[in-house]
Amino acid sequence: LRATFYLITGRFADAMQDLDSIINNSETDSKIRSN
């Protein structure tokens, strides 16, 4: 959710950091990773 609002508010570097941390964590729920 924080990554989404970083994205919406134009903080792209911060959004990318949060999104990477989710995507690279294989233990995270698949629905969260796909989003």
PDB file of all heavy atoms in Angstrom:
ATOM      1  N   LEU A   1       0.829  -1.202   0.000  1.00  0.00           N
ATOM      2  CA  LEU A   1       0.000   0.000   0.000  1.00  0.00           C
ATOM      3  C   LEU A   1       0.866   1.256   0.000  1.00  0.00           C
ATOM      4  O   LEU A   1       0.561   2.235  -0.699  1.00  0.00           O
ATOM      5  CB  LEU A   1      -0.931   0.000   1.219  1.00  0.00           C
ATOM      6  CG  LEU A   1      -1.939   1.156   1.300  1.00  0.00           C
ATOM      7  CD1 LEU A   1      -2.803   1.217   0.045  1.00  0.00           C
ATOM      8  CD2 LEU A   1      -2.809   1.004   2.549  1.00  0.00           C
ATOM      9  N   ARG A   2       1.961   1.223   0.734  1.00  0.00           N
ATOM     10  CA  ARG A   2       2.857   2.387   0.726  1.00  0.00           C
ATOM     11  C   ARG A   2       3.477   2.586  -0.655  1.00  0.00           C
ATOM     12  O   ARG A   2       3.574   3.710  -1.150  1.00  0.00           O
ATOM     13  CB  ARG A   2       3.957   2.224   1.788  1.00  0.00           C
ATOM     14  CG  ARG A   2       4.826   3.474   1.942  1.00  0.00           C
ATOM     15  CD  ARG A   2       5.815   3.368   3.077  1.00  0.00           C
ATOM     16  NE  ARG A   2       6.916   2.439   2.776  1.00  0.00           N
ATOM     17  CZ  ARG A   2       7.982   2.275   3.558  1.00  0.00           C
ATOM     18  NH1 ARG A   2       8.069   2.954   4.709  1.00  0.00           N
ATOM     19  NH2 ARG A   2       8.936   1.407   3.244  1.00  0.00           N
ATOM     20  N   ALA A   3       3.886   1.477  -1.272  1.00  0.00           N
ATOM     21  CA  ALA A   3       4.451   1.564  -2.626  1.00  0.00           C
ATOM     22  C   ALA A   3       3.442   2.166  -3.594  1.00  0.00           C
ATOM     23  O   ALA A   3       3.799   2.963  -4.469  1.00  0.00           O
ATOM     24  CB  ALA A   3       4.874   0.174  -3.098  1.00  0.00           C
ATOM     25  N   THR A   4       2.174   1.785  -3.437  1.00  0.00           N
ATOM     26  CA  THR A   4       1.120   2.299  -4.316  1.00  0.00           C
ATOM     27  C   THR A   4       0.983   3.807  -4.172  1.00  0.00           C
ATOM     28  O   THR A   4       0.884   4.528  -5.170  1.00  0.00           O
ATOM     29  CB  THR A   4      -0.225   1.620  -3.988  1.00  0.00           C
ATOM     30  OG1 THR A   4      -0.080   0.204  -4.116  1.00  0.00           O
ATOM     31  CG2 THR A   4      -1.315   2.104  -4.925  1.00  0.00           C
ATOM     32  N   PHE A   5       1.024   4.301  -2.943  1.00  0.00           N
ATOM     33  CA  PHE A   5       0.897   5.742  -2.753  1.00  0.00           C
ATOM     34  C   PHE A   5       2.179   6.490  -3.099  1.00  0.00           C
ATOM     35  O   PHE A   5       2.124   7.653  -3.516  1.00  0.00           O
ATOM     36  CB  PHE A   5       0.410   6.060  -1.334  1.00  0.00           C
ATOM     37  CG  PHE A   5      -1.089   6.058  -1.250  1.00  0.00           C
ATOM     38  CD1 PHE A   5      -1.781   4.882  -1.024  1.00  0.00           C
ATOM     39  CD2 PHE A   5      -1.811   7.222  -1.436  1.00  0.00           C
ATOM     40  CE1 PHE A   5      -3.167   4.856  -0.989  1.00  0.00           C
ATOM     41  CE2 PHE A   5      -3.205   7.217  -1.397  1.00  0.00           C
ATOM     42  CZ  PHE A   5      -3.886   6.035  -1.177  1.00  0.00           C
ATOM     43  N   TYR A   6       3.315   5.846  -2.960  1.00  0.00           N
ATOM     44  CA  TYR A   6       4.542   6.447  -3.493  1.00  0.00           C
ATOM     45  C   TYR A   6       4.409   6.621  -5.007  1.00  0.00           C
ATOM     46  O   TYR A   6       4.780   7.652  -5.576  1.00  0.00           O
ATOM     47  CB  TYR A   6       5.752   5.557  -3.197  1.00  0.00           C
ATOM     48  CG  TYR A   6       6.319   5.669  -1.794  1.00  0.00           C
ATOM     49  CD1 TYR A   6       6.972   4.584  -1.199  1.00  0.00           C
ATOM     50  CD2 TYR A   6       6.244   6.863  -1.072  1.00  0.00           C
ATOM     51  CE1 TYR A   6       7.525   4.680   0.069  1.00  0.00           C
ATOM     52  CE2 TYR A   6       6.796   6.963   0.201  1.00  0.00           C
ATOM     53  CZ  TYR A   6       7.425   5.866   0.768  1.00  0.00           C
ATOM     54  OH  TYR A   6       7.981   5.961   2.035  1.00  0.00           O
ATOM     55  N   LEU A   7       3.869   5.612  -5.663  1.00  0.00           N
ATOM     56  CA  LEU A   7       3.682   5.643  -7.110  1.00  0.00           C
ATOM     57  C   LEU A   7       2.703   6.744  -7.506  1.00  0.00           C
ATOM     58  O   LEU A   7       2.962   7.539  -8.422  1.00  0.00           O
ATOM     59  CB  LEU A   7       3.169   4.281  -7.586  1.00  0.00           C
ATOM     60  CG  LEU A   7       3.003   4.054  -9.086  1.00  0.00           C
ATOM     61  CD1 LEU A   7       4.331   4.177  -9.804  1.00  0.00           C
ATOM     62  CD2 LEU A   7       2.388   2.675  -9.340  1.00  0.00           C
ATOM     63  N   ILE A   8       1.604   6.825  -6.803  1.00  0.00           N
ATOM     64  CA  ILE A   8       0.564   7.814  -7.097  1.00  0.00           C
ATOM     65  C   ILE A   8       1.056   9.239  -6.873  1.00  0.00           C
ATOM     66  O   ILE A   8       0.683  10.163  -7.602  1.00  0.00           O
ATOM     67  CB  ILE A   8      -0.687   7.534  -6.234  1.00  0.00           C
ATOM     68  CG1 ILE A   8      -1.394   6.265  -6.717  1.00  0.00           C
ATOM     69  CG2 ILE A   8      -1.656   8.713  -6.257  1.00  0.00           C
ATOM     70  CD1 ILE A   8      -2.500   5.801  -5.791  1.00  0.00           C
ATOM     71  N   THR A   9       1.925   9.426  -5.887  1.00  0.00           N
ATOM     72  CA  THR A   9       2.407  10.770  -5.560  1.00  0.00           C
ATOM     73  C   THR A   9       3.716  11.123  -6.258  1.00  0.00           C
ATOM     74  O   THR A   9       4.298  12.175  -5.983  1.00  0.00           O
ATOM     75  CB  THR A   9       2.591  10.915  -4.035  1.00  0.00           C
ATOM     76  OG1 THR A   9       3.477   9.884  -3.562  1.00  0.00           O
ATOM     77  CG2 THR A   9       1.262  10.805  -3.314  1.00  0.00           C
ATOM     78  N   GLY A  10       4.182  10.258  -7.157  1.00  0.00           N
ATOM     79  CA  GLY A  10       5.359  10.582  -7.951  1.00  0.00           C
ATOM     80  C   GLY A  10       6.690  10.285  -7.298  1.00  0.00           C
ATOM     81  O   GLY A  10       7.739  10.694  -7.821  1.00  0.00           O
ATOM     82  N   ARG A  11       6.699   9.578  -6.187  1.00  0.00           N
ATOM     83  CA  ARG A  11       7.969   9.204  -5.530  1.00  0.00           C
ATOM     84  C   ARG A  11       8.412   7.846  -6.097  1.00  0.00           C
ATOM     85  O   ARG A  11       8.330   6.808  -5.440  1.00  0.00           O
ATOM     86  CB  ARG A  11       7.781   9.170  -4.016  1.00  0.00           C
ATOM     87  CG  ARG A  11       7.510  10.534  -3.416  1.00  0.00           C
ATOM     88  CD  ARG A  11       7.161  10.485  -1.936  1.00  0.00           C
ATOM     89  NE  ARG A  11       8.225   9.919  -1.103  1.00  0.00           N
ATOM     90  CZ  ARG A  11       8.183   9.879   0.228  1.00  0.00           C
ATOM     91  NH1 ARG A  11       7.113  10.382   0.864  1.00  0.00           N
ATOM     92  NH2 ARG A  11       9.175   9.353   0.910  1.00  0.00           N
ATOM     93  N   PHE A  12       8.874   7.869  -7.312  1.00  0.00           N
ATOM     94  CA  PHE A  12       9.113   6.638  -8.056  1.00  0.00           C
ATOM     95  C   PHE A  12      10.247   5.787  -7.471  1.00  0.00           C
ATOM     96  O   PHE A  12      10.168   4.565  -7.447  1.00  0.00           O
ATOM     97  CB  PHE A  12       9.403   6.958  -9.516  1.00  0.00           C
ATOM     98  CG  PHE A  12       8.190   7.443 -10.281  1.00  0.00           C
ATOM     99  CD1 PHE A  12       8.325   7.943 -11.559  1.00  0.00           C
ATOM    100  CD2 PHE A  12       6.924   7.409  -9.725  1.00  0.00           C
ATOM    101  CE1 PHE A  12       7.212   8.389 -12.272  1.00  0.00           C
ATOM    102  CE2 PHE A  12       5.808   7.851 -10.413  1.00  0.00           C
ATOM    103  CZ  PHE A  12       5.965   8.346 -11.700  1.00  0.00           C
ATOM    104  N   ALA A  13      11.309   6.427  -7.026  1.00  0.00           N
ATOM    105  CA  ALA A  13      12.437   5.664  -6.465  1.00  0.00           C
ATOM    106  C   ALA A  13      12.000   4.920  -5.204  1.00  0.00           C
ATOM    107  O   ALA A  13      12.348   3.743  -5.016  1.00  0.00           O
ATOM    108  CB  ALA A  13      13.600   6.608  -6.155  1.00  0.00           C
ATOM    109  N   ASP A  14      11.226   5.593  -4.344  1.00  0.00           N
ATOM    110  CA  ASP A  14      10.730   4.954  -3.131  1.00  0.00           C
ATOM    111  C   ASP A  14       9.746   3.827  -3.477  1.00  0.00           C
ATOM    112  O   ASP A  14       9.754   2.765  -2.840  1.00  0.00           O
ATOM    113  CB  ASP A  14      10.031   5.984  -2.235  1.00  0.00           C
ATOM    114  CG  ASP A  14      11.002   6.994  -1.653  1.00  0.00           C
ATOM    115  OD1 ASP A  14      12.170   6.637  -1.442  1.00  0.00           O
ATOM    116  OD2 ASP A  14      10.585   8.151  -1.426  1.00  0.00           O
ATOM    117  N   ALA A  15       8.904   4.072  -4.472  1.00  0.00           N
ATOM    118  CA  ALA A  15       7.955   3.044  -4.899  1.00  0.00           C
ATOM    119  C   ALA A  15       8.699   1.811  -5.408  1.00  0.00           C
ATOM    120  O   ALA A  15       8.344   0.676  -5.064  1.00  0.00           O
ATOM    121  CB  ALA A  15       7.042   3.595  -5.995  1.00  0.00           C
ATOM    122  N   MET A  16       9.717   2.028  -6.211  1.00  0.00           N
ATOM    123  CA  MET A  16      10.481   0.905  -6.765  1.00  0.00           C
ATOM    124  C   MET A  16      11.145   0.095  -5.666  1.00  0.00           C
ATOM    125  O   MET A  16      11.161  -1.147  -5.713  1.00  0.00           O
ATOM    126  CB  MET A  16      11.534   1.436  -7.737  1.00  0.00           C
ATOM    127  CG  MET A  16      12.315   0.341  -8.464  1.00  0.00           C
ATOM    128  SD  MET A  16      11.289  -0.658  -9.579  1.00  0.00           S
ATOM    129  CE  MET A  16      11.156   0.423 -11.001  1.00  0.00           C
ATOM    130  N   GLN A  17      11.663   0.760  -4.663  1.00  0.00           N
ATOM    131  CA  GLN A  17      12.317   0.055  -3.553  1.00  0.00           C
ATOM    132  C   GLN A  17      11.327  -0.853  -2.819  1.00  0.00           C
ATOM    133  O   GLN A  17      11.638  -2.026  -2.526  1.00  0.00           O
ATOM    134  CB  GLN A  17      12.934   1.073  -2.587  1.00  0.00           C
ATOM    135  CG  GLN A  17      13.737   0.420  -1.463  1.00  0.00           C
ATOM    136  CD  GLN A  17      14.454   1.473  -0.604  1.00  0.00           C
ATOM    137  OE1 GLN A  17      14.605   2.615  -0.999  1.00  0.00           O
ATOM    138  NE2 GLN A  17      14.879   1.058   0.584  1.00  0.00           N
ATOM    139  N   ASP A  18      10.142  -0.341  -2.534  1.00  0.00           N
ATOM    140  CA  ASP A  18       9.132  -1.147  -1.839  1.00  0.00           C
ATOM    141  C   ASP A  18       8.636  -2.290  -2.708  1.00  0.00           C
ATOM    142  O   ASP A  18       8.460  -3.431  -2.231  1.00  0.00           O
ATOM    143  CB  ASP A  18       7.955  -0.262  -1.419  1.00  0.00           C
ATOM    144  CG  ASP A  18       8.200   0.450  -0.096  1.00  0.00           C
ATOM    145  OD1 ASP A  18       9.240   0.190   0.537  1.00  0.00           O
ATOM    146  OD2 ASP A  18       7.353   1.273   0.303  1.00  0.00           O
ATOM    147  N   LEU A  19       8.395  -2.009  -3.982  1.00  0.00           N
ATOM    148  CA  LEU A  19       7.907  -3.052  -4.889  1.00  0.00           C
ATOM    149  C   LEU A  19       8.941  -4.157  -5.059  1.00  0.00           C
ATOM    150  O   LEU A  19       8.602  -5.349  -5.067  1.00  0.00           O
ATOM    151  CB  LEU A  19       7.544  -2.439  -6.250  1.00  0.00           C
ATOM    152  CG  LEU A  19       6.339  -1.489  -6.250  1.00  0.00           C
ATOM    153  CD1 LEU A  19       6.222  -0.783  -7.583  1.00  0.00           C
ATOM    154  CD2 LEU A  19       5.043  -2.242  -5.920  1.00  0.00           C
ATOM    155  N   ASP A  20      10.198  -3.778  -5.172  1.00  0.00           N
ATOM    156  CA  ASP A  20      11.271  -4.782  -5.293  1.00  0.00           C
ATOM    157  C   ASP A  20      11.320  -5.694  -4.075  1.00  0.00           C
ATOM    158  O   ASP A  20      11.504  -6.914  -4.197  1.00  0.00           O
ATOM    159  CB  ASP A  20      12.624  -4.087  -5.459  1.00  0.00           C
ATOM    160  CG  ASP A  20      12.841  -3.503  -6.852  1.00  0.00           C
ATOM    161  OD1 ASP A  20      12.067  -3.844  -7.763  1.00  0.00           O
ATOM    162  OD2 ASP A  20      13.786  -2.700  -7.015  1.00  0.00           O
ATOM    163  N   SER A  21      11.150  -5.097  -2.903  1.00  0.00           N
ATOM    164  CA  SER A  21      11.237  -5.896  -1.674  1.00  0.00           C
ATOM    165  C   SER A  21      10.118  -6.932  -1.617  1.00  0.00           C
ATOM    166  O   SER A  21      10.315  -8.053  -1.110  1.00  0.00           O
ATOM    167  CB  SER A  21      11.186  -4.984  -0.442  1.00  0.00           C
ATOM    168  OG  SER A  21       9.899  -4.413  -0.288  1.00  0.00           O
ATOM    169  N   ILE A  22       8.939  -6.602  -2.139  1.00  0.00           N
ATOM    170  CA  ILE A  22       7.819  -7.552  -2.170  1.00  0.00           C
ATOM    171  C   ILE A  22       8.064  -8.633  -3.210  1.00  0.00           C
ATOM    172  O   ILE A  22       7.929  -9.833  -2.947  1.00  0.00           O
ATOM    173  CB  ILE A  22       6.500  -6.810  -2.476  1.00  0.00           C
ATOM    174  CG1 ILE A  22       6.143  -5.855  -1.344  1.00  0.00           C
ATOM    175  CG2 ILE A  22       5.368  -7.799  -2.718  1.00  0.00           C
ATOM    176  CD1 ILE A  22       5.021  -4.896  -1.695  1.00  0.00           C
ATOM    177  N   ILE A  23       8.426  -8.210  -4.405  1.00  0.00           N
ATOM    178  CA  ILE A  23       8.595  -9.142  -5.525  1.00  0.00           C
ATOM    179  C   ILE A  23       9.710 -10.136  -5.269  1.00  0.00           C
ATOM    180  O   ILE A  23       9.608 -11.323  -5.622  1.00  0.00           O
ATOM    181  CB  ILE A  23       8.852  -8.336  -6.826  1.00  0.00           C
ATOM    182  CG1 ILE A  23       7.599  -7.546  -7.207  1.00  0.00           C
ATOM    183  CG2 ILE A  23       9.267  -9.254  -7.971  1.00  0.00           C
ATOM    184  CD1 ILE A  23       7.844  -6.446  -8.228  1.00  0.00           C
ATOM    185  N   ASN A  24      10.771  -9.681  -4.627  1.00  0.00           N
ATOM    186  CA  ASN A  24      11.936 -10.548  -4.396  1.00  0.00           C
ATOM    187  C   ASN A  24      11.780 -11.476  -3.198  1.00  0.00           C
ATOM    188  O   ASN A  24      12.639 -12.320  -2.945  1.00  0.00           O
ATOM    189  CB  ASN A  24      13.193  -9.688  -4.211  1.00  0.00           C
ATOM    190  CG  ASN A  24      13.537  -8.911  -5.465  1.00  0.00           C
ATOM    191  OD1 ASN A  24      13.219  -9.323  -6.577  1.00  0.00           O
ATOM    192  ND2 ASN A  24      14.206  -7.771  -5.303  1.00  0.00           N
ATOM    193  N   ASN A  25      10.685 -11.334  -2.465  1.00  0.00           N
ATOM    194  CA  ASN A  25      10.435 -12.186  -1.307  1.00  0.00           C
ATOM    195  C   ASN A  25       9.501 -13.325  -1.720  1.00  0.00           C
ATOM    196  O   ASN A  25       8.288 -13.142  -1.835  1.00  0.00           O
ATOM    197  CB  ASN A  25       9.816 -11.366  -0.169  1.00  0.00           C
ATOM    198  CG  ASN A  25       9.637 -12.180   1.102  1.00  0.00           C
ATOM    199  OD1 ASN A  25       9.878 -13.396   1.129  1.00  0.00           O
ATOM    200  ND2 ASN A  25       9.196 -11.518   2.168  1.00  0.00           N
ATOM    201  N   SER A  26      10.058 -14.500  -1.957  1.00  0.00           N
ATOM    202  CA  SER A  26       9.270 -15.632  -2.462  1.00  0.00           C
ATOM    203  C   SER A  26       8.247 -16.133  -1.455  1.00  0.00           C
ATOM    204  O   SER A  26       7.319 -16.867  -1.817  1.00  0.00           O
ATOM    205  CB  SER A  26      10.210 -16.781  -2.848  1.00  0.00           C
ATOM    206  OG  SER A  26      10.987 -17.187  -1.734  1.00  0.00           O
ATOM    207  N   GLU A  27       8.384 -15.746  -0.181  1.00  0.00           N
ATOM    208  CA  GLU A  27       7.442 -16.188   0.844  1.00  0.00           C
ATOM    209  C   GLU A  27       6.184 -15.314   0.900  1.00  0.00           C
ATOM    210  O   GLU A  27       5.219 -15.657   1.573  1.00  0.00           O
ATOM    211  CB  GLU A  27       8.128 -16.195   2.210  1.00  0.00           C
ATOM    212  CG  GLU A  27       9.279 -17.200   2.297  1.00  0.00           C
ATOM    213  CD  GLU A  27       9.916 -17.208   3.675  1.00  0.00           C
ATOM    214  OE1 GLU A  27       9.436 -16.445   4.550  1.00  0.00           O
ATOM    215  OE2 GLU A  27      10.881 -17.969   3.876  1.00  0.00           O
ATOM    216  N   THR A  28       6.212 -14.202   0.174  1.00  0.00           N
ATOM    217  CA  THR A  28       5.055 -13.299   0.158  1.00  0.00           C
ATOM    218  C   THR A  28       3.919 -13.927  -0.637  1.00  0.00           C
ATOM    219  O   THR A  28       4.139 -14.616  -1.645  1.00  0.00           O
ATOM    220  CB  THR A  28       5.446 -11.941  -0.467  1.00  0.00           C
ATOM    221  OG1 THR A  28       6.524 -11.383   0.280  1.00  0.00           O
ATOM    222  CG2 THR A  28       4.274 -10.978  -0.454  1.00  0.00           C
ATOM    223  N   ASP A  29       2.695 -13.688  -0.223  1.00  0.00           N
ATOM    224  CA  ASP A  29       1.515 -14.218  -0.891  1.00  0.00           C
ATOM    225  C   ASP A  29       1.543 -13.855  -2.386  1.00  0.00           C
ATOM    226  O   ASP A  29       1.898 -12.731  -2.761  1.00  0.00           O
ATOM    227  CB  ASP A  29       0.262 -13.635  -0.231  1.00  0.00           C
ATOM    228  CG  ASP A  29      -1.012 -14.139  -0.880  1.00  0.00           C
ATOM    229  OD1 ASP A  29      -1.437 -15.248  -0.567  1.00  0.00           O
ATOM    230  OD2 ASP A  29      -1.560 -13.391  -1.730  1.00  0.00           O
ATOM    231  N   SER A  30       1.157 -14.793  -3.226  1.00  0.00           N
ATOM    232  CA  SER A  30       1.232 -14.611  -4.677  1.00  0.00           C
ATOM    233  C   SER A  30       0.362 -13.458  -5.169  1.00  0.00           C
ATOM    234  O   SER A  30       0.704 -12.771  -6.136  1.00  0.00           O
ATOM    235  CB  SER A  30       0.838 -15.902  -5.402  1.00  0.00           C
ATOM    236  OG  SER A  30      -0.501 -16.262  -5.096  1.00  0.00           O
ATOM    237  N   LYS A  31      -0.785 -13.220  -4.529  1.00  0.00           N
ATOM    238  CA  LYS A  31      -1.666 -12.128  -4.928  1.00  0.00           C
ATOM    239  C   LYS A  31      -1.003 -10.776  -4.679  1.00  0.00           C
ATOM    240  O   LYS A  31      -1.133  -9.840  -5.483  1.00  0.00           O
ATOM    241  CB  LYS A  31      -2.989 -12.189  -4.167  1.00  0.00           C
ATOM    242  CG  LYS A  31      -3.885 -13.350  -4.554  1.00  0.00           C
ATOM    243  CD  LYS A  31      -4.410 -13.187  -5.970  1.00  0.00           C
ATOM    244  CE  LYS A  31      -5.354 -14.323  -6.340  1.00  0.00           C
ATOM    245  NZ  LYS A  31      -5.820 -14.182  -7.765  1.00  0.00           N
ATOM    246  N   ILE A  32      -0.287 -10.686  -3.563  1.00  0.00           N
ATOM    247  CA  ILE A  32       0.426  -9.440  -3.258  1.00  0.00           C
ATOM    248  C   ILE A  32       1.582  -9.244  -4.227  1.00  0.00           C
ATOM    249  O   ILE A  32       1.795  -8.142  -4.749  1.00  0.00           O
ATOM    250  CB  ILE A  32       0.926  -9.455  -1.795  1.00  0.00           C
ATOM    251  CG1 ILE A  32      -0.263  -9.425  -0.837  1.00  0.00           C
ATOM    252  CG2 ILE A  32       1.871  -8.282  -1.529  1.00  0.00           C
ATOM    253  CD1 ILE A  32       0.112  -9.524   0.628  1.00  0.00           C
ATOM    254  N   ARG A  33       2.318 -10.301  -4.522  1.00  0.00           N
ATOM    255  CA  ARG A  33       3.453 -10.192  -5.448  1.00  0.00           C
ATOM    256  C   ARG A  33       2.994  -9.859  -6.867  1.00  0.00           C
ATOM    257  O   ARG A  33       3.620  -9.046  -7.555  1.00  0.00           O
ATOM    258  CB  ARG A  33       4.257 -11.491  -5.449  1.00  0.00           C
ATOM    259  CG  ARG A  33       5.026 -11.739  -4.153  1.00  0.00           C
ATOM    260  CD  ARG A  33       5.757 -13.066  -4.200  1.00  0.00           C
ATOM    261  NE  ARG A  33       6.854 -13.048  -5.148  1.00  0.00           N
ATOM    262  CZ  ARG A  33       7.441 -14.145  -5.636  1.00  0.00           C
ATOM    263  NH1 ARG A  33       7.001 -15.351  -5.295  1.00  0.00           N
ATOM    264  NH2 ARG A  33       8.447 -14.033  -6.461  1.00  0.00           N
ATOM    265  N   SER A  34       1.915 -10.474  -7.314  1.00  0.00           N
ATOM    266  CA  SER A  34       1.438 -10.198  -8.682  1.00  0.00           C
ATOM    267  C   SER A  34       0.940  -8.759  -8.798  1.00  0.00           C
ATOM    268  O   SER A  34       1.169  -8.095  -9.818  1.00  0.00           O
ATOM    269  CB  SER A  34       0.336 -11.178  -9.083  1.00  0.00           C
ATOM    270  OG  SER A  34      -0.807 -11.039  -8.254  1.00  0.00           O
ATOM    271  N   ASN A  35       0.291  -8.252  -7.754  1.00  0.00           N
ATOM    272  CA  ASN A  35      -0.142  -6.864  -7.767  1.00  0.00           C
ATOM    273  C   ASN A  35       1.066  -5.926  -7.809  1.00  0.00           C
ATOM    274  O   ASN A  35       1.061  -4.910  -8.527  1.00  0.00           O
ATOM    275  CB  ASN A  35      -1.001  -6.576  -6.537  1.00  0.00           C
ATOM    276  CG  ASN A  35      -1.623  -5.190  -6.557  1.00  0.00           C
ATOM    277  OD1 ASN A  35      -1.030  -4.227  -6.090  1.00  0.00           O
ATOM    278  ND2 ASN A  35      -2.833  -5.092  -7.114  1.00  0.00           N
TER     279      ASN A  35
END
